[in-house]
Structures are given as C-alpha cells and as structure tokens.
PDB file of all heavy atoms in Angstrom:
ATOM      1  N   PHE A   1      -5.202 -11.973 -10.456  1.00  0.00           N
ATOM      2  CA  PHE A   1      -5.843 -13.052 -11.203  1.00  0.00           C
ATOM      3  C   PHE A   1      -6.198 -14.324 -10.450  1.00  0.00           C
ATOM      4  O   PHE A   1      -6.986 -15.058 -10.946  1.00  0.00           O
ATOM      5  CB  PHE A   1      -4.880 -13.543 -12.340  1.00  0.00           C
ATOM      6  CG  PHE A   1      -4.445 -12.371 -13.256  1.00  0.00           C
ATOM      7  CD1 PHE A   1      -3.135 -11.972 -13.180  1.00  0.00           C
ATOM      8  CD2 PHE A   1      -5.372 -11.841 -14.065  1.00  0.00           C
ATOM      9  CE1 PHE A   1      -2.723 -10.874 -13.948  1.00  0.00           C
ATOM     10  CE2 PHE A   1      -5.024 -10.700 -14.864  1.00  0.00           C
ATOM     11  CZ  PHE A   1      -3.765 -10.271 -14.860  1.00  0.00           C
ATOM     12  N   LYS A   2      -5.670 -14.546  -9.273  1.00  0.00           N
ATOM     13  CA  LYS A   2      -5.878 -15.815  -8.578  1.00  0.00           C
ATOM     14  C   LYS A   2      -6.776 -15.711  -7.441  1.00  0.00           C
ATOM     15  O   LYS A   2      -7.683 -16.540  -7.352  1.00  0.00           O
ATOM     16  CB  LYS A   2      -4.359 -16.180  -8.064  1.00  0.00           C
ATOM     17  CG  LYS A   2      -4.416 -17.663  -7.595  1.00  0.00           C
ATOM     18  CD  LYS A   2      -3.127 -18.084  -7.100  1.00  0.00           C
ATOM     19  CE  LYS A   2      -3.097 -19.656  -6.671  1.00  0.00           C
ATOM     20  NZ  LYS A   2      -1.649 -20.017  -6.384  1.00  0.00           N
ATOM     21  N   PHE A   3      -6.670 -14.781  -6.539  1.00  0.00           N
ATOM     22  CA  PHE A   3      -7.388 -14.683  -5.376  1.00  0.00           C
ATOM     23  C   PHE A   3      -8.462 -13.538  -5.262  1.00  0.00           C
ATOM     24  O   PHE A   3      -9.602 -13.882  -5.560  1.00  0.00           O
ATOM     25  CB  PHE A   3      -6.495 -14.559  -4.061  1.00  0.00           C
ATOM     26  CG  PHE A   3      -5.576 -15.673  -3.960  1.00  0.00           C
ATOM     27  CD1 PHE A   3      -4.362 -15.463  -3.622  1.00  0.00           C
ATOM     28  CD2 PHE A   3      -6.081 -17.017  -4.084  1.00  0.00           C
ATOM     29  CE1 PHE A   3      -3.372 -16.581  -3.505  1.00  0.00           C
ATOM     30  CE2 PHE A   3      -5.184 -18.068  -3.958  1.00  0.00           C
ATOM     31  CZ  PHE A   3      -3.793 -17.854  -3.604  1.00  0.00           C
ATOM     32  N   ALA A   4      -8.038 -12.366  -5.117  1.00  0.00           N
ATOM     33  CA  ALA A   4      -8.994 -11.336  -4.930  1.00  0.00           C
ATOM     34  C   ALA A   4      -9.517 -10.819  -6.194  1.00  0.00           C
ATOM     35  O   ALA A   4     -10.581 -10.155  -6.242  1.00  0.00           O
ATOM     36  CB  ALA A   4      -8.295 -10.038  -4.167  1.00  0.00           C
ATOM     37  N   ASN A   5      -8.897 -11.023  -7.330  1.00  0.00           N
ATOM     38  CA  ASN A   5      -9.307 -10.346  -8.600  1.00  0.00           C
ATOM     39  C   ASN A   5      -9.584  -8.962  -8.677  1.00  0.00           C
ATOM     40  O   ASN A   5     -10.360  -8.424  -9.137  1.00  0.00           O
ATOM     41  CB  ASN A   5     -10.644 -11.177  -9.085  1.00  0.00           C
ATOM     42  CG  ASN A   5     -10.911 -10.963 -10.614  1.00  0.00           C
ATOM     43  OD1 ASN A   5      -9.959 -10.783 -11.326  1.00  0.00           O
ATOM     44  ND2 ASN A   5     -12.077 -11.072 -11.041  1.00  0.00           N
ATOM     45  N   ASN A   6      -8.581  -8.293  -7.877  1.00  0.00           N
ATOM     46  CA  ASN A   6      -8.701  -6.721  -7.694  1.00  0.00           C
ATOM     47  C   ASN A   6      -7.565  -6.206  -8.468  1.00  0.00           C
ATOM     48  O   ASN A   6      -6.452  -6.008  -8.101  1.00  0.00           O
ATOM     49  CB  ASN A   6      -8.531  -6.507  -6.235  1.00  0.00           C
ATOM     50  CG  ASN A   6      -8.933  -5.052  -5.951  1.00  0.00           C
ATOM     51  OD1 ASN A   6      -8.849  -4.105  -6.832  1.00  0.00           O
ATOM     52  ND2 ASN A   6      -9.271  -4.617  -4.781  1.00  0.00           N
ATOM     53  N   LEU A   7      -7.989  -5.793  -9.810  1.00  0.00           N
ATOM     54  CA  LEU A   7      -6.957  -5.263 -10.733  1.00  0.00           C
ATOM     55  C   LEU A   7      -6.423  -3.851 -10.153  1.00  0.00           C
ATOM     56  O   LEU A   7      -5.353  -3.405 -10.532  1.00  0.00           O
ATOM     57  CB  LEU A   7      -7.518  -5.345 -12.003  1.00  0.00           C
ATOM     58  CG  LEU A   7      -7.665  -6.681 -12.706  1.00  0.00           C
ATOM     59  CD1 LEU A   7      -8.253  -6.636 -14.146  1.00  0.00           C
ATOM     60  CD2 LEU A   7      -6.466  -7.516 -12.632  1.00  0.00           C
ATOM     61  N   GLY A   8      -7.506  -3.149  -9.683  1.00  0.00           N
ATOM     62  CA  GLY A   8      -7.091  -1.700  -9.290  1.00  0.00           C
ATOM     63  C   GLY A   8      -5.986  -1.826  -8.146  1.00  0.00           C
ATOM     64  O   GLY A   8      -4.901  -1.114  -8.212  1.00  0.00           O
ATOM     65  N   LEU A   9      -6.085  -2.678  -7.128  1.00  0.00           N
ATOM     66  CA  LEU A   9      -5.093  -2.737  -6.078  1.00  0.00           C
ATOM     67  C   LEU A   9      -3.776  -3.314  -6.708  1.00  0.00           C
ATOM     68  O   LEU A   9      -2.726  -2.936  -6.288  1.00  0.00           O
ATOM     69  CB  LEU A   9      -5.655  -3.744  -4.944  1.00  0.00           C
ATOM     70  CG  LEU A   9      -4.812  -3.668  -3.701  1.00  0.00           C
ATOM     71  CD1 LEU A   9      -4.806  -2.339  -3.051  1.00  0.00           C
ATOM     72  CD2 LEU A   9      -5.399  -4.788  -2.702  1.00  0.00           C
ATOM     73  N   SER A  10      -3.920  -4.259  -7.499  1.00  0.00           N
ATOM     74  CA  SER A  10      -2.671  -4.929  -8.257  1.00  0.00           C
ATOM     75  C   SER A  10      -1.973  -3.927  -9.065  1.00  0.00           C
ATOM     76  O   SER A  10      -0.734  -3.854  -9.183  1.00  0.00           O
ATOM     77  CB  SER A  10      -3.126  -6.099  -9.029  1.00  0.00           C
ATOM     78  OG  SER A  10      -3.684  -7.113  -8.307  1.00  0.00           O
ATOM     79  N   ALA A  11      -2.692  -3.020  -9.825  1.00  0.00           N
ATOM     80  CA  ALA A  11      -2.166  -1.873 -10.599  1.00  0.00           C
ATOM     81  C   ALA A  11      -1.369  -0.984  -9.624  1.00  0.00           C
ATOM     82  O   ALA A  11      -0.202  -0.534  -9.954  1.00  0.00           O
ATOM     83  CB  ALA A  11      -3.175  -1.153 -11.296  1.00  0.00           C
ATOM     84  N   ALA A  12      -1.887  -0.704  -8.452  1.00  0.00           N
ATOM     85  CA  ALA A  12      -1.123   0.066  -7.476  1.00  0.00           C
ATOM     86  C   ALA A  12       0.161  -0.489  -7.075  1.00  0.00           C
ATOM     87  O   ALA A  12       1.130   0.146  -6.865  1.00  0.00           O
ATOM     88  CB  ALA A  12      -2.038   0.515  -6.319  1.00  0.00           C
ATOM     89  N   MET A  13       0.098  -1.797  -6.788  1.00  0.00           N
ATOM     90  CA  MET A  13       1.262  -2.570  -6.462  1.00  0.00           C
ATOM     91  C   MET A  13       2.339  -2.480  -7.507  1.00  0.00           C
ATOM     92  O   MET A  13       3.502  -2.350  -7.201  1.00  0.00           O
ATOM     93  CB  MET A  13       0.832  -4.034  -6.157  1.00  0.00           C
ATOM     94  CG  MET A  13       0.049  -4.354  -4.999  1.00  0.00           C
ATOM     95  SD  MET A  13      -0.354  -6.092  -4.892  1.00  0.00           S
ATOM     96  CE  MET A  13      -1.450  -6.016  -3.444  1.00  0.00           C
ATOM     97  N   SER A  14       1.868  -2.671  -8.844  1.00  0.00           N
ATOM     98  CA  SER A  14       2.793  -2.658  -9.960  1.00  0.00           C
ATOM     99  C   SER A  14       3.499  -1.207 -10.039  1.00  0.00           C
ATOM    100  O   SER A  14       4.638  -1.000 -10.364  1.00  0.00           O
ATOM    101  CB  SER A  14       2.141  -2.933 -11.188  1.00  0.00           C
ATOM    102  OG  SER A  14       1.169  -1.981 -11.509  1.00  0.00           O
ATOM    103  N   MET A  15       2.643  -0.123  -9.705  1.00  0.00           N
ATOM    104  CA  MET A  15       3.305   1.345  -9.736  1.00  0.00           C
ATOM    105  C   MET A  15       4.316   1.388  -8.688  1.00  0.00           C
ATOM    106  O   MET A  15       5.365   2.028  -8.857  1.00  0.00           O
ATOM    107  CB  MET A  15       2.084   2.210  -9.617  1.00  0.00           C
ATOM    108  CG  MET A  15       1.214   2.356 -10.809  1.00  0.00           C
ATOM    109  SD  MET A  15       2.188   2.989 -12.375  1.00  0.00           S
ATOM    110  CE  MET A  15       2.121   1.381 -13.156  1.00  0.00           C
ATOM    111  N   ILE A  16       4.049   0.806  -7.451  1.00  0.00           N
ATOM    112  CA  ILE A  16       4.978   0.895  -6.431  1.00  0.00           C
ATOM    113  C   ILE A  16       6.297   0.173  -6.834  1.00  0.00           C
ATOM    114  O   ILE A  16       7.424   0.680  -6.587  1.00  0.00           O
ATOM    115  CB  ILE A  16       4.431   0.283  -5.038  1.00  0.00           C
ATOM    116  CG1 ILE A  16       3.337   1.250  -4.647  1.00  0.00           C
ATOM    117  CG2 ILE A  16       5.519   0.221  -4.060  1.00  0.00           C
ATOM    118  CD1 ILE A  16       2.552   0.788  -3.438  1.00  0.00           C
ATOM    119  N   LEU A  17       6.173  -0.934  -7.506  1.00  0.00           N
ATOM    120  CA  LEU A  17       7.335  -1.747  -7.829  1.00  0.00           C
ATOM    121  C   LEU A  17       8.079  -0.893  -8.962  1.00  0.00           C
ATOM    122  O   LEU A  17       9.422  -0.936  -8.851  1.00  0.00           O
ATOM    123  CB  LEU A  17       6.921  -3.080  -8.562  1.00  0.00           C
ATOM    124  CG  LEU A  17       7.935  -3.948  -9.193  1.00  0.00           C
ATOM    125  CD1 LEU A  17       8.995  -4.280  -8.146  1.00  0.00           C
ATOM    126  CD2 LEU A  17       7.427  -5.080  -9.730  1.00  0.00           C
ATOM    127  N   PHE A  18       7.367  -0.276  -9.899  1.00  0.00           N
ATOM    128  CA  PHE A  18       8.018   0.583 -10.803  1.00  0.00           C
ATOM    129  C   PHE A  18       8.860   1.695 -10.251  1.00  0.00           C
ATOM    130  O   PHE A  18       9.855   1.954 -10.640  1.00  0.00           O
ATOM    131  CB  PHE A  18       6.881   1.098 -11.788  1.00  0.00           C
ATOM    132  CG  PHE A  18       7.540   2.206 -12.810  1.00  0.00           C
ATOM    133  CD1 PHE A  18       8.218   1.878 -13.842  1.00  0.00           C
ATOM    134  CD2 PHE A  18       7.265   3.576 -12.484  1.00  0.00           C
ATOM    135  CE1 PHE A  18       8.766   2.808 -14.726  1.00  0.00           C
ATOM    136  CE2 PHE A  18       7.714   4.587 -13.354  1.00  0.00           C
ATOM    137  CZ  PHE A  18       8.492   4.166 -14.456  1.00  0.00           C
ATOM    138  N   ILE A  19       8.166   2.373  -9.181  1.00  0.00           N
ATOM    139  CA  ILE A  19       8.969   3.558  -8.499  1.00  0.00           C
ATOM    140  C   ILE A  19      10.118   2.938  -7.791  1.00  0.00           C
ATOM    141  O   ILE A  19      11.244   3.484  -7.847  1.00  0.00           O
ATOM    142  CB  ILE A  19       7.923   4.161  -7.501  1.00  0.00           C
ATOM    143  CG1 ILE A  19       6.835   4.903  -8.384  1.00  0.00           C
ATOM    144  CG2 ILE A  19       8.662   5.175  -6.767  1.00  0.00           C
ATOM    145  CD1 ILE A  19       5.742   5.400  -7.612  1.00  0.00           C
ATOM    146  N   ILE A  20      10.016   1.729  -7.095  1.00  0.00           N
ATOM    147  CA  ILE A  20      11.169   1.220  -6.472  1.00  0.00           C
ATOM    148  C   ILE A  20      12.361   0.916  -7.341  1.00  0.00           C
ATOM    149  O   ILE A  20      13.527   1.237  -7.232  1.00  0.00           O
ATOM    150  CB  ILE A  20      10.796  -0.122  -5.687  1.00  0.00           C
ATOM    151  CG1 ILE A  20       9.813   0.341  -4.502  1.00  0.00           C
ATOM    152  CG2 ILE A  20      12.054  -0.844  -5.258  1.00  0.00           C
ATOM    153  CD1 ILE A  20       9.279  -0.892  -3.870  1.00  0.00           C
ATOM    154  N   ILE A  21      12.061   0.337  -8.619  1.00  0.00           N
ATOM    155  CA  ILE A  21      12.925  -0.056  -9.606  1.00  0.00           C
ATOM    156  C   ILE A  21      13.768   1.292 -10.085  1.00  0.00           C
ATOM    157  O   ILE A  21      14.883   1.318 -10.284  1.00  0.00           O
ATOM    158  CB  ILE A  21      12.415  -0.783 -10.766  1.00  0.00           C
ATOM    159  CG1 ILE A  21      12.025  -2.252 -10.221  1.00  0.00           C
ATOM    160  CG2 ILE A  21      13.363  -0.851 -11.853  1.00  0.00           C
ATOM    161  CD1 ILE A  21      11.282  -3.079 -11.285  1.00  0.00           C
ATOM    162  N   LEU A  22      12.811   2.381 -10.343  1.00  0.00           N
ATOM    163  CA  LEU A  22      13.397   3.584 -10.756  1.00  0.00           C
ATOM    164  C   LEU A  22      14.351   4.255  -9.818  1.00  0.00           C
ATOM    165  O   LEU A  22      15.417   4.704 -10.170  1.00  0.00           O
ATOM    166  CB  LEU A  22      12.224   4.597 -11.108  1.00  0.00           C
ATOM    167  CG  LEU A  22      12.531   5.900 -11.719  1.00  0.00           C
ATOM    168  CD1 LEU A  22      13.292   5.836 -12.997  1.00  0.00           C
ATOM    169  CD2 LEU A  22      11.379   6.843 -11.806  1.00  0.00           C
ATOM    170  N   ILE A  23      13.885   4.223  -8.578  1.00  0.00           N
ATOM    171  CA  ILE A  23      14.699   4.851  -7.555  1.00  0.00           C
ATOM    172  C   ILE A  23      16.088   4.135  -7.389  1.00  0.00           C
ATOM    173  O   ILE A  23      17.130   4.660  -7.353  1.00  0.00           O
ATOM    174  CB  ILE A  23      14.005   4.895  -6.147  1.00  0.00           C
ATOM    175  CG1 ILE A  23      12.782   5.882  -6.237  1.00  0.00           C
ATOM    176  CG2 ILE A  23      14.918   5.389  -5.051  1.00  0.00           C
ATOM    177  CD1 ILE A  23      11.921   5.853  -5.072  1.00  0.00           C
ATOM    178  N   LEU A  24      16.061   2.816  -7.321  1.00  0.00           N
ATOM    179  CA  LEU A  24      17.251   2.037  -7.130  1.00  0.00           C
ATOM    180  C   LEU A  24      18.147   2.207  -8.285  1.00  0.00           C
ATOM    181  O   LEU A  24      19.328   2.217  -8.214  1.00  0.00           O
ATOM    182  CB  LEU A  24      16.903   0.483  -6.914  1.00  0.00           C
ATOM    183  CG  LEU A  24      16.134   0.189  -5.560  1.00  0.00           C
ATOM    184  CD1 LEU A  24      15.846  -1.291  -5.424  1.00  0.00           C
ATOM    185  CD2 LEU A  24      17.188   0.616  -4.460  1.00  0.00           C
ATOM    186  N   THR A  25      17.602   2.162  -9.548  1.00  0.00           N
ATOM    187  CA  THR A  25      18.459   2.300 -10.700  1.00  0.00           C
ATOM    188  C   THR A  25      19.175   3.683 -10.788  1.00  0.00           C
ATOM    189  O   THR A  25      20.312   3.770 -11.025  1.00  0.00           O
ATOM    190  CB  THR A  25      17.560   2.191 -12.069  1.00  0.00           C
ATOM    191  OG1 THR A  25      16.872   0.888 -12.005  1.00  0.00           O
ATOM    192  CG2 THR A  25      18.406   2.273 -13.262  1.00  0.00           C
ATOM    193  N   VAL A  26      18.445   4.752 -10.431  1.00  0.00           N
ATOM    194  CA  VAL A  26      19.091   6.029 -10.416  1.00  0.00           C
ATOM    195  C   VAL A  26      20.099   6.130  -9.364  1.00  0.00           C
ATOM    196  O   VAL A  26      21.215   6.717  -9.526  1.00  0.00           O
ATOM    197  CB  VAL A  26      18.002   7.161 -10.233  1.00  0.00           C
ATOM    198  CG1 VAL A  26      18.639   8.500 -10.100  1.00  0.00           C
ATOM    199  CG2 VAL A  26      17.076   7.264 -11.444  1.00  0.00           C
ATOM    200  N   THR A  27      19.781   5.505  -8.210  1.00  0.00           N
ATOM    201  CA  THR A  27      20.802   5.510  -7.058  1.00  0.00           C
ATOM    202  C   THR A  27      22.070   4.850  -7.421  1.00  0.00           C
ATOM    203  O   THR A  27      23.174   5.336  -7.068  1.00  0.00           O
ATOM    204  CB  THR A  27      20.103   4.868  -5.811  1.00  0.00           C
ATOM    205  OG1 THR A  27      18.910   5.660  -5.488  1.00  0.00           O
ATOM    206  CG2 THR A  27      21.077   4.933  -4.606  1.00  0.00           C
ATOM    207  N   GLN A  28      21.919   3.670  -8.078  1.00  0.00           N
ATOM    208  CA  GLN A  28      23.016   2.911  -8.527  1.00  0.00           C
ATOM    209  C   GLN A  28      23.856   3.692  -9.407  1.00  0.00           C
ATOM    210  O   GLN A  28      25.130   3.629  -9.337  1.00  0.00           O
ATOM    211  CB  GLN A  28      22.630   1.555  -9.038  1.00  0.00           C
ATOM    212  CG  GLN A  28      22.109   0.547  -8.023  1.00  0.00           C
ATOM    213  CD  GLN A  28      21.736  -0.787  -8.619  1.00  0.00           C
ATOM    214  OE1 GLN A  28      20.741  -0.900  -9.224  1.00  0.00           O
ATOM    215  NE2 GLN A  28      22.676  -1.865  -8.530  1.00  0.00           N
ATOM    216  N   PHE A  29      23.381   4.307 -10.406  1.00  0.00           N
ATOM    217  CA  PHE A  29      24.097   5.083 -11.458  1.00  0.00           C
ATOM    218  C   PHE A  29      24.848   6.123 -10.727  1.00  0.00           C
ATOM    219  O   PHE A  29      25.956   6.484 -11.124  1.00  0.00           O
ATOM    220  CB  PHE A  29      23.058   5.585 -12.516  1.00  0.00           C
ATOM    221  CG  PHE A  29      22.966   4.636 -13.625  1.00  0.00           C
ATOM    222  CD1 PHE A  29      21.654   3.982 -13.867  1.00  0.00           C
ATOM    223  CD2 PHE A  29      23.876   4.262 -14.425  1.00  0.00           C
ATOM    224  CE1 PHE A  29      21.471   3.268 -14.836  1.00  0.00           C
ATOM    225  CE2 PHE A  29      23.708   3.361 -15.446  1.00  0.00           C
ATOM    226  CZ  PHE A  29      22.462   2.926 -15.715  1.00  0.00           C
ATOM    227  N   ARG A  30      24.162   6.849  -9.706  1.00  0.00           N
ATOM    228  CA  ARG A  30      24.929   7.990  -9.105  1.00  0.00           C
ATOM    229  C   ARG A  30      25.992   7.406  -8.192  1.00  0.00           C
ATOM    230  O   ARG A  30      27.053   8.094  -8.121  1.00  0.00           O
ATOM    231  CB  ARG A  30      23.963   8.774  -8.157  1.00  0.00           C
ATOM    232  CG  ARG A  30      22.932   9.487  -9.102  1.00  0.00           C
ATOM    233  CD  ARG A  30      22.045  10.458  -8.185  1.00  0.00           C
ATOM    234  NE  ARG A  30      21.212  11.282  -8.976  1.00  0.00           N
ATOM    235  CZ  ARG A  30      21.550  12.462  -9.404  1.00  0.00           C
ATOM    236  NH1 ARG A  30      22.765  12.938  -9.196  1.00  0.00           N
ATOM    237  NH2 ARG A  30      20.769  13.172 -10.181  1.00  0.00           N
ATOM    238  N   ILE A  31      25.829   6.323  -7.501  1.00  0.00           N
ATOM    239  CA  ILE A  31      26.863   5.797  -6.594  1.00  0.00           C
ATOM    240  C   ILE A  31      28.069   5.268  -7.342  1.00  0.00           C
ATOM    241  O   ILE A  31      29.215   5.395  -7.094  1.00  0.00           O
ATOM    242  CB  ILE A  31      26.386   4.812  -5.685  1.00  0.00           C
ATOM    243  CG1 ILE A  31      25.262   5.536  -4.686  1.00  0.00           C
ATOM    244  CG2 ILE A  31      27.314   4.010  -4.787  1.00  0.00           C
ATOM    245  CD1 ILE A  31      24.539   4.528  -3.818  1.00  0.00           C
ATOM    246  N   LEU A  32      27.719   4.399  -8.437  1.00  0.00           N
ATOM    247  CA  LEU A  32      28.823   3.564  -9.056  1.00  0.00           C
ATOM    248  C   LEU A  32      29.420   4.278 -10.286  1.00  0.00           C
ATOM    249  O   LEU A  32      30.278   3.722 -10.878  1.00  0.00           O
ATOM    250  CB  LEU A  32      28.212   2.258  -9.583  1.00  0.00           C
ATOM    251  CG  LEU A  32      27.621   1.319  -8.285  1.00  0.00           C
ATOM    252  CD1 LEU A  32      27.027   0.086  -8.815  1.00  0.00           C
ATOM    253  CD2 LEU A  32      28.803   1.004  -7.408  1.00  0.00           C
TER     254      LEU A  32
END
C-alpha cells in the first residue's frame, strides 16, 4: 500500500509469514 503497490508480491510475503507461524506453532506443541 505504501511504496511498490505490488499486492502479488505482498501476498507471497503473507503466505511465507503464515507458513512460518504454522511451522513454529506445530514445533512448539511437539517440544513442550
């Protein structure tokens, strides 16, 4: 919304963030 106005690239960033959160959450549940 601010600089590049590239929603496609930003959507890919949000998917990477979603995958990171998912992996860390599953890992924490398994470890703890």
